[in-house]
Amino acid sequence: MLEFKQDYKNNQIEVIVDNARTHTAKAYSLQEFAKGIGHRCPVDQIEYPDENGVTKVIDCYFKQGPYKDQSKGLAELAKELGVQLPPKAKLDEIRALLSKHRAFQNVKKLEMLASKYNVKIIYCPKYHRELNAIEGLWCNQKAFVRSRTDQTFEKMIKLIADSRIHFVERNIALKLFRRFWRSIEAYSQGQTYADVLKLFFSQFCKTSVQSHRTITNKNINEP
């Protein structure tokens, strides 16, 4: 719908998203393409921006000729993209050369979609829930349900619906967005992750904390 919103046509729109796999998934990977004609190919077309930001499209399947409807393979795609291959190049060599071309840069699906509407995608760093408002929603809903449940399925379903109403009525979304911007301001002023934790969560947070990393068996005993 963004392309129809004339009110924002002269504005630079930036969308902040978390690092969920659904947001960071790539549209395709070089590893999914075969070398020769008629073999595996994950997409029908490849869209990519050239050095001037203009979107280019290249077909991955032949549209006519003796190989009509068959996949082109990386060797043929390299020719069409103007990438010079050495004689009798092996698959790994072709992938290495094509990885430097814009058509095979690590562009994510979400970024490709956003670029069509001149929208910039900014990803939050991993494991930083203070920058992700949706985590606050899940936390609030879980706390609401846990404090009122009688462990029956019927009650659980009702409480989940009630938790949404509670979230809206208490204007918790506004609180979460304020926390986000205050966190951004704190980081921009040079405060550490531990400082931000103390600011919003608890003064008992250890100052030795450097980042919100995943706890595994290897680092479970680390400070």
C-alpha atoms as a PDB file:
ATOM      1  CA  MET A   1       0.000   0.000   0.000  1.00  0.00           C
ATOM      2  CA  LEU A   2       2.967   2.328   0.447  1.00  0.00           C
ATOM      3  CA  GLU A   3       3.156   3.162  -3.246  1.00  0.00           C
ATOM      4  CA  PHE A   4      -0.335   4.695  -3.013  1.00  0.00           C
ATOM      5  CA  LYS A   5       0.282   6.790   0.095  1.00  0.00           C
ATOM      6  CA  GLN A   6       0.825  10.200  -1.417  1.00  0.00           C
ATOM      7  CA  ASP A   7       1.093  11.806   2.013  1.00  0.00           C
ATOM      8  CA  TYR A   8       4.535  10.251   2.467  1.00  0.00           C
ATOM      9  CA  LYS A   9       5.878  10.418  -1.075  1.00  0.00           C
ATOM     10  CA  ASN A  10       8.547  12.989  -0.157  1.00  0.00           C
ATOM     11  CA  ASN A  11       9.644  11.231   3.020  1.00  0.00           C
ATOM     12  CA  GLN A  12      12.340   8.643   3.639  1.00  0.00           C
ATOM     13  CA  ILE A  13      10.593   5.714   5.320  1.00  0.00           C
ATOM     14  CA  GLU A  14      12.609   3.426   7.583  1.00  0.00           C
ATOM     15  CA  VAL A  15      11.157   0.225   9.028  1.00  0.00           C
ATOM     16  CA  ILE A  16      12.737  -1.362  12.098  1.00  0.00           C
ATOM     17  CA  VAL A  17      12.337  -5.140  12.356  1.00  0.00           C
ATOM     18  CA  ASP A  18      13.797  -7.873  14.519  1.00  0.00           C
ATOM     19  CA  ASN A  19      16.124 -10.637  13.374  1.00  0.00           C
ATOM     20  CA  ALA A  20      13.493 -13.362  13.074  1.00  0.00           C
ATOM     21  CA  ARG A  21      14.282 -15.847  10.319  1.00  0.00           C
ATOM     22  CA  THR A  22      11.109 -14.897   8.480  1.00  0.00           C
ATOM     23  CA  HIS A  23      12.566 -11.385   8.148  1.00  0.00           C
ATOM     24  CA  THR A  24      16.151 -12.317   7.323  1.00  0.00           C
ATOM     25  CA  ALA A  25      15.537 -15.225   4.942  1.00  0.00           C
ATOM     26  CA  LYS A  26      17.270 -14.872   1.598  1.00  0.00           C
ATOM     27  CA  ALA A  27      15.275 -15.031  -1.604  1.00  0.00           C
ATOM     28  CA  TYR A  28      17.760 -17.537  -3.029  1.00  0.00           C
ATOM     29  CA  SER A  29      21.287 -18.802  -2.564  1.00  0.00           C
ATOM     30  CA  LEU A  30      24.052 -19.685  -4.992  1.00  0.00           C
ATOM     31  CA  GLN A  31      24.243 -23.086  -3.347  1.00  0.00           C
ATOM     32  CA  GLU A  32      20.754 -23.863  -4.663  1.00  0.00           C
ATOM     33  CA  PHE A  33      21.726 -23.448  -8.324  1.00  0.00           C
ATOM     34  CA  ALA A  34      23.212 -26.215 -10.458  1.00  0.00           C
ATOM     35  CA  LYS A  35      25.912 -25.640 -13.047  1.00  0.00           C
ATOM     36  CA  GLY A  36      24.345 -27.047 -16.197  1.00  0.00           C
ATOM     37  CA  ILE A  37      21.157 -26.689 -18.190  1.00  0.00           C
ATOM     38  CA  GLY A  38      18.033 -28.501 -17.013  1.00  0.00           C
ATOM     39  CA  HIS A  39      19.080 -29.031 -13.417  1.00  0.00           C
ATOM     40  CA  ARG A  40      17.924 -27.575 -10.109  1.00  0.00           C
ATOM     41  CA  CYS A  41      17.010 -23.907  -9.957  1.00  0.00           C
ATOM     42  CA  PRO A  42      15.167 -22.322  -6.982  1.00  0.00           C
ATOM     43  CA  VAL A  43      13.606 -19.298  -8.741  1.00  0.00           C
ATOM     44  CA  ASP A  44      12.130 -18.368 -12.121  1.00  0.00           C
ATOM     45  CA  GLN A  45      13.758 -14.935 -12.188  1.00  0.00           C
ATOM     46  CA  ILE A  46      16.433 -12.985 -10.375  1.00  0.00           C
ATOM     47  CA  GLU A  47      15.824  -9.351  -9.485  1.00  0.00           C
ATOM     48  CA  TYR A  48      18.714  -7.197  -8.368  1.00  0.00           C
ATOM     49  CA  PRO A  49      19.650  -3.491  -8.258  1.00  0.00           C
ATOM     50  CA  ASP A  50      22.491  -2.375 -10.522  1.00  0.00           C
ATOM     51  CA  GLU A  51      25.166   0.149  -9.515  1.00  0.00           C
ATOM     52  CA  ASN A  52      22.669   2.973 -10.161  1.00  0.00           C
ATOM     53  CA  GLY A  53      19.926   1.414  -8.069  1.00  0.00           C
ATOM     54  CA  VAL A  54      17.879   0.398 -11.113  1.00  0.00           C
ATOM     55  CA  THR A  55      16.155  -2.976 -10.770  1.00  0.00           C
ATOM     56  CA  LYS A  56      17.328  -5.555 -13.296  1.00  0.00           C
ATOM     57  CA  VAL A  57      15.589  -8.846 -14.073  1.00  0.00           C
ATOM     58  CA  ILE A  58      17.152 -11.955 -15.556  1.00  0.00           C
ATOM     59  CA  ASP A  59      15.231 -15.120 -16.453  1.00  0.00           C
ATOM     60  CA  CYS A  60      16.517 -18.368 -14.980  1.00  0.00           C
ATOM     61  CA  TYR A  61      14.645 -20.499 -17.525  1.00  0.00           C
ATOM     62  CA  PHE A  62      14.839 -20.471 -21.304  1.00  0.00           C
ATOM     63  CA  LYS A  63      11.808 -18.839 -22.916  1.00  0.00           C
ATOM     64  CA  GLN A  64      12.410 -20.228 -26.398  1.00  0.00           C
ATOM     65  CA  GLY A  65      14.736 -22.407 -28.452  1.00  0.00           C
ATOM     66  CA  PRO A  66      15.710 -26.070 -28.029  1.00  0.00           C
ATOM     67  CA  TYR A  67      15.966 -25.709 -24.235  1.00  0.00           C
ATOM     68  CA  LYS A  68      12.616 -23.956 -23.777  1.00  0.00           C
ATOM     69  CA  ASP A  69      11.246 -24.223 -20.201  1.00  0.00           C
ATOM     70  CA  GLN A  70      14.496 -25.726 -18.912  1.00  0.00           C
ATOM     71  CA  SER A  71      16.671 -24.039 -16.293  1.00  0.00           C
ATOM     72  CA  LYS A  72      19.729 -22.225 -17.596  1.00  0.00           C
ATOM     73  CA  GLY A  73      22.223 -23.199 -14.921  1.00  0.00           C
ATOM     74  CA  LEU A  74      24.980 -21.034 -13.464  1.00  0.00           C
ATOM     75  CA  ALA A  75      27.274 -21.313 -16.487  1.00  0.00           C
ATOM     76  CA  GLU A  76      24.654 -19.814 -18.800  1.00  0.00           C
ATOM     77  CA  LEU A  77      23.590 -17.213 -16.233  1.00  0.00           C
ATOM     78  CA  ALA A  78      27.212 -16.115 -15.907  1.00  0.00           C
ATOM     79  CA  LYS A  79      27.337 -15.412 -19.652  1.00  0.00           C
ATOM     80  CA  GLU A  80      24.166 -13.331 -19.537  1.00  0.00           C
ATOM     81  CA  LEU A  81      25.462 -11.398 -16.533  1.00  0.00           C
ATOM     82  CA  GLY A  82      28.747 -10.677 -18.291  1.00  0.00           C
ATOM     83  CA  VAL A  83      30.868 -12.714 -15.890  1.00  0.00           C
ATOM     84  CA  GLN A  84      33.885 -14.253 -17.595  1.00  0.00           C
ATOM     85  CA  LEU A  85      34.472 -17.887 -16.642  1.00  0.00           C
ATOM     86  CA  PRO A  86      37.749 -19.769 -17.124  1.00  0.00           C
ATOM     87  CA  PRO A  87      37.673 -22.758 -19.513  1.00  0.00           C
ATOM     88  CA  LYS A  88      36.199 -25.883 -17.940  1.00  0.00           C
ATOM     89  CA  ALA A  89      35.354 -23.995 -14.759  1.00  0.00           C
ATOM     90  CA  LYS A  90      34.113 -26.173 -11.920  1.00  0.00           C
ATOM     91  CA  LEU A  91      30.932 -25.472  -9.994  1.00  0.00           C
ATOM     92  CA  ASP A  92      32.736 -24.085  -6.942  1.00  0.00           C
ATOM     93  CA  GLU A  93      34.745 -21.714  -9.148  1.00  0.00           C
ATOM     94  CA  ILE A  94      31.598 -20.458 -10.864  1.00  0.00           C
ATOM     95  CA  ARG A  95      29.884 -19.877  -7.530  1.00  0.00           C
ATOM     96  CA  ALA A  96      32.911 -17.987  -6.220  1.00  0.00           C
ATOM     97  CA  LEU A  97      32.934 -15.670  -9.249  1.00  0.00           C
ATOM     98  CA  LEU A  98      29.173 -15.103  -9.279  1.00  0.00           C
ATOM     99  CA  SER A  99      29.099 -14.383  -5.542  1.00  0.00           C
ATOM    100  CA  LYS A 100      30.741 -11.031  -6.344  1.00  0.00           C
ATOM    101  CA  HIS A 101      27.982 -10.050  -8.772  1.00  0.00           C
ATOM    102  CA  ARG A 102      25.064  -7.932  -7.575  1.00  0.00           C
ATOM    103  CA  ALA A 103      22.584 -10.566  -8.734  1.00  0.00           C
ATOM    104  CA  PHE A 104      23.882 -12.957  -6.095  1.00  0.00           C
ATOM    105  CA  GLN A 105      24.593 -10.606  -3.224  1.00  0.00           C
ATOM    106  CA  ASN A 106      23.028 -11.581   0.100  1.00  0.00           C
ATOM    107  CA  VAL A 107      19.849  -9.593  -0.390  1.00  0.00           C
ATOM    108  CA  LYS A 108      17.041 -10.644   1.909  1.00  0.00           C
ATOM    109  CA  LYS A 109      13.448 -11.117   0.750  1.00  0.00           C
ATOM    110  CA  LEU A 110      12.195  -8.310   2.968  1.00  0.00           C
ATOM    111  CA  GLU A 111      14.848  -5.910   1.683  1.00  0.00           C
ATOM    112  CA  MET A 112      13.982  -6.739  -1.918  1.00  0.00           C
ATOM    113  CA  LEU A 113      10.318  -6.001  -1.265  1.00  0.00           C
ATOM    114  CA  ALA A 114      11.105  -2.773   0.583  1.00  0.00           C
ATOM    115  CA  SER A 115      13.423  -1.517  -2.158  1.00  0.00           C
ATOM    116  CA  LYS A 116      10.507  -1.481  -4.603  1.00  0.00           C
ATOM    117  CA  TYR A 117       8.860   1.196  -2.466  1.00  0.00           C
ATOM    118  CA  ASN A 118      12.050   3.080  -1.523  1.00  0.00           C
ATOM    119  CA  VAL A 119      11.778   1.860   2.054  1.00  0.00           C
ATOM    120  CA  LYS A 120      14.892   1.214   4.136  1.00  0.00           C
ATOM    121  CA  ILE A 121      14.964  -1.838   6.417  1.00  0.00           C
ATOM    122  CA  ILE A 122      16.888  -1.579   9.698  1.00  0.00           C
ATOM    123  CA  TYR A 123      17.455  -4.786  11.662  1.00  0.00           C
ATOM    124  CA  CYS A 124      17.621  -4.770  15.441  1.00  0.00           C
ATOM    125  CA  PRO A 125      20.664  -6.520  16.905  1.00  0.00           C
ATOM    126  CA  LYS A 126      19.987 -10.077  18.006  1.00  0.00           C
ATOM    127  CA  TYR A 127      18.983 -10.853  21.598  1.00  0.00           C
ATOM    128  CA  HIS A 128      18.120  -7.239  22.489  1.00  0.00           C
ATOM    129  CA  ARG A 129      14.516  -7.394  23.630  1.00  0.00           C
ATOM    130  CA  GLU A 130      14.555  -3.822  24.881  1.00  0.00           C
ATOM    131  CA  LEU A 131      14.609  -2.800  21.205  1.00  0.00           C
ATOM    132  CA  ASN A 132      11.810  -5.152  20.172  1.00  0.00           C
ATOM    133  CA  ALA A 133       8.343  -4.010  21.230  1.00  0.00           C
ATOM    134  CA  ILE A 134       6.668  -7.270  20.207  1.00  0.00           C
ATOM    135  CA  GLU A 135       8.630  -9.080  22.932  1.00  0.00           C
ATOM    136  CA  GLY A 136       6.962  -6.787  25.448  1.00  0.00           C
ATOM    137  CA  LEU A 137       3.568  -7.799  24.088  1.00  0.00           C
ATOM    138  CA  TRP A 138       4.330 -11.514  24.508  1.00  0.00           C
ATOM    139  CA  CYS A 139       5.695 -10.901  28.007  1.00  0.00           C
ATOM    140  CA  ASN A 140       2.609  -8.961  29.076  1.00  0.00           C
ATOM    141  CA  GLN A 141       0.190 -11.520  27.659  1.00  0.00           C
ATOM    142  CA  LYS A 142       2.015 -14.437  29.279  1.00  0.00           C
ATOM    143  CA  ALA A 143       2.063 -12.715  32.664  1.00  0.00           C
ATOM    144  CA  PHE A 144      -1.648 -11.901  32.363  1.00  0.00           C
ATOM    145  CA  VAL A 145      -2.554 -15.505  31.532  1.00  0.00           C
ATOM    146  CA  ARG A 146      -0.273 -17.094  34.162  1.00  0.00           C
ATOM    147  CA  SER A 147      -1.691 -14.977  36.981  1.00  0.00           C
ATOM    148  CA  ARG A 148      -5.300 -15.925  36.181  1.00  0.00           C
ATOM    149  CA  THR A 149      -5.260 -19.427  34.693  1.00  0.00           C
ATOM    150  CA  ASP A 150      -6.787 -22.525  36.273  1.00  0.00           C
ATOM    151  CA  GLN A 151      -4.866 -24.775  33.841  1.00  0.00           C
ATOM    152  CA  THR A 152      -7.934 -25.669  31.761  1.00  0.00           C
ATOM    153  CA  PHE A 153      -7.985 -25.271  27.991  1.00  0.00           C
ATOM    154  CA  GLU A 154     -11.246 -23.309  27.940  1.00  0.00           C
ATOM    155  CA  LYS A 155      -9.967 -20.824  30.508  1.00  0.00           C
ATOM    156  CA  MET A 156      -6.675 -20.460  28.652  1.00  0.00           C
ATOM    157  CA  ILE A 157      -8.396 -19.563  25.377  1.00  0.00           C
ATOM    158  CA  LYS A 158     -10.533 -16.941  27.112  1.00  0.00           C
ATOM    159  CA  LEU A 159      -7.555 -15.437  28.937  1.00  0.00           C
ATOM    160  CA  ILE A 160      -5.554 -15.092  25.733  1.00  0.00           C
ATOM    161  CA  ALA A 161      -8.358 -13.016  24.232  1.00  0.00           C
ATOM    162  CA  ASP A 162      -8.703 -11.015  27.463  1.00  0.00           C
ATOM    163  CA  SER A 163      -4.953 -10.357  27.534  1.00  0.00           C
ATOM    164  CA  ARG A 164      -5.178  -8.557  24.192  1.00  0.00           C
ATOM    165  CA  ILE A 165      -7.924  -6.301  25.528  1.00  0.00           C
ATOM    166  CA  HIS A 166      -5.892  -5.656  28.682  1.00  0.00           C
ATOM    167  CA  PHE A 167      -2.854  -4.725  26.578  1.00  0.00           C
ATOM    168  CA  VAL A 168      -4.854  -2.144  24.613  1.00  0.00           C
ATOM    169  CA  GLU A 169      -6.771  -0.687  27.554  1.00  0.00           C
ATOM    170  CA  ARG A 170      -3.594  -0.142  29.595  1.00  0.00           C
ATOM    171  CA  ASN A 171      -1.805   1.572  26.676  1.00  0.00           C
ATOM    172  CA  ILE A 172       1.147  -0.760  27.154  1.00  0.00           C
ATOM    173  CA  ALA A 173       2.171  -0.339  23.512  1.00  0.00           C
ATOM    174  CA  LEU A 174       2.930   3.321  24.226  1.00  0.00           C
ATOM    175  CA  LYS A 175       5.139   2.316  27.153  1.00  0.00           C
ATOM    176  CA  LEU A 176       7.044  -0.176  24.995  1.00  0.00           C
ATOM    177  CA  PHE A 177       7.667   2.334  22.234  1.00  0.00           C
ATOM    178  CA  ARG A 178       8.873   4.888  24.773  1.00  0.00           C
ATOM    179  CA  ARG A 179      11.257   2.267  26.149  1.00  0.00           C
ATOM    180  CA  PHE A 180      12.538   1.621  22.640  1.00  0.00           C
ATOM    181  CA  TRP A 181      13.362   5.271  21.949  1.00  0.00           C
ATOM    182  CA  ARG A 182      14.887   5.781  25.388  1.00  0.00           C
ATOM    183  CA  SER A 183      17.077   2.714  24.786  1.00  0.00           C
ATOM    184  CA  ILE A 184      18.186   4.101  21.432  1.00  0.00           C
ATOM    185  CA  GLU A 185      19.006   7.427  23.072  1.00  0.00           C
ATOM    186  CA  ALA A 186      20.938   5.695  25.868  1.00  0.00           C
ATOM    187  CA  TYR A 187      23.021   3.671  23.412  1.00  0.00           C
ATOM    188  CA  SER A 188      23.695   6.773  21.298  1.00  0.00           C
ATOM    189  CA  GLN A 189      25.074   8.458  24.426  1.00  0.00           C
ATOM    190  CA  GLY A 190      27.527   5.626  24.964  1.00  0.00           C
ATOM    191  CA  GLN A 191      25.730   3.715  27.701  1.00  0.00           C
ATOM    192  CA  THR A 192      26.342  -0.017  27.879  1.00  0.00           C
ATOM    193  CA  TYR A 193      23.891  -2.881  27.627  1.00  0.00           C
ATOM    194  CA  ALA A 194      24.145  -3.348  31.409  1.00  0.00           C
ATOM    195  CA  ASP A 195      23.260   0.332  31.938  1.00  0.00           C
ATOM    196  CA  VAL A 196      20.149  -0.047  29.805  1.00  0.00           C
ATOM    197  CA  LEU A 197      19.115  -3.201  31.665  1.00  0.00           C
ATOM    198  CA  LYS A 198      19.326  -1.334  34.969  1.00  0.00           C
ATOM    199  CA  LEU A 199      17.442   1.606  33.508  1.00  0.00           C
ATOM    200  CA  PHE A 200      14.399  -0.417  32.487  1.00  0.00           C
ATOM    201  CA  PHE A 201      14.440  -3.745  34.275  1.00  0.00           C
ATOM    202  CA  SER A 202      16.290  -4.069  37.567  1.00  0.00           C
ATOM    203  CA  GLN A 203      19.117  -2.518  39.544  1.00  0.00           C
ATOM    204  CA  PHE A 204      20.174  -6.073  40.367  1.00  0.00           C
ATOM    205  CA  CYS A 205      21.394  -6.632  36.795  1.00  0.00           C
ATOM    206  CA  LYS A 206      25.123  -7.362  36.865  1.00  0.00           C
ATOM    207  CA  THR A 207      27.414  -4.714  35.435  1.00  0.00           C
ATOM    208  CA  SER A 208      29.561  -7.493  33.975  1.00  0.00           C
ATOM    209  CA  VAL A 209      26.862  -8.184  31.396  1.00  0.00           C
ATOM    210  CA  GLN A 210      28.119  -7.152  27.964  1.00  0.00           C
ATOM    211  CA  SER A 211      25.439  -8.515  25.680  1.00  0.00           C
ATOM    212  CA  HIS A 212      22.222 -10.492  25.711  1.00  0.00           C
ATOM    213  CA  ARG A 213      23.553 -13.742  24.278  1.00  0.00           C
ATOM    214  CA  THR A 214      22.006 -17.172  24.096  1.00  0.00           C
ATOM    215  CA  ILE A 215      22.828 -19.325  27.120  1.00  0.00           C
ATOM    216  CA  THR A 216      24.236 -22.722  26.161  1.00  0.00           C
ATOM    217  CA  ASN A 217      25.833 -25.585  28.056  1.00  0.00           C
ATOM    218  CA  LYS A 218      29.243 -24.179  27.122  1.00  0.00           C
ATOM    219  CA  ASN A 219      28.757 -20.748  28.674  1.00  0.00           C
ATOM    220  CA  ILE A 220      26.228 -21.561  31.392  1.00  0.00           C
ATOM    221  CA  ASN A 221      28.832 -21.110  34.146  1.00  0.00           C
ATOM    222  CA  GLU A 222      30.306 -17.916  32.742  1.00  0.00           C
ATOM    223  CA  PRO A 223      29.645 -14.670  34.678  1.00  0.00           C
END
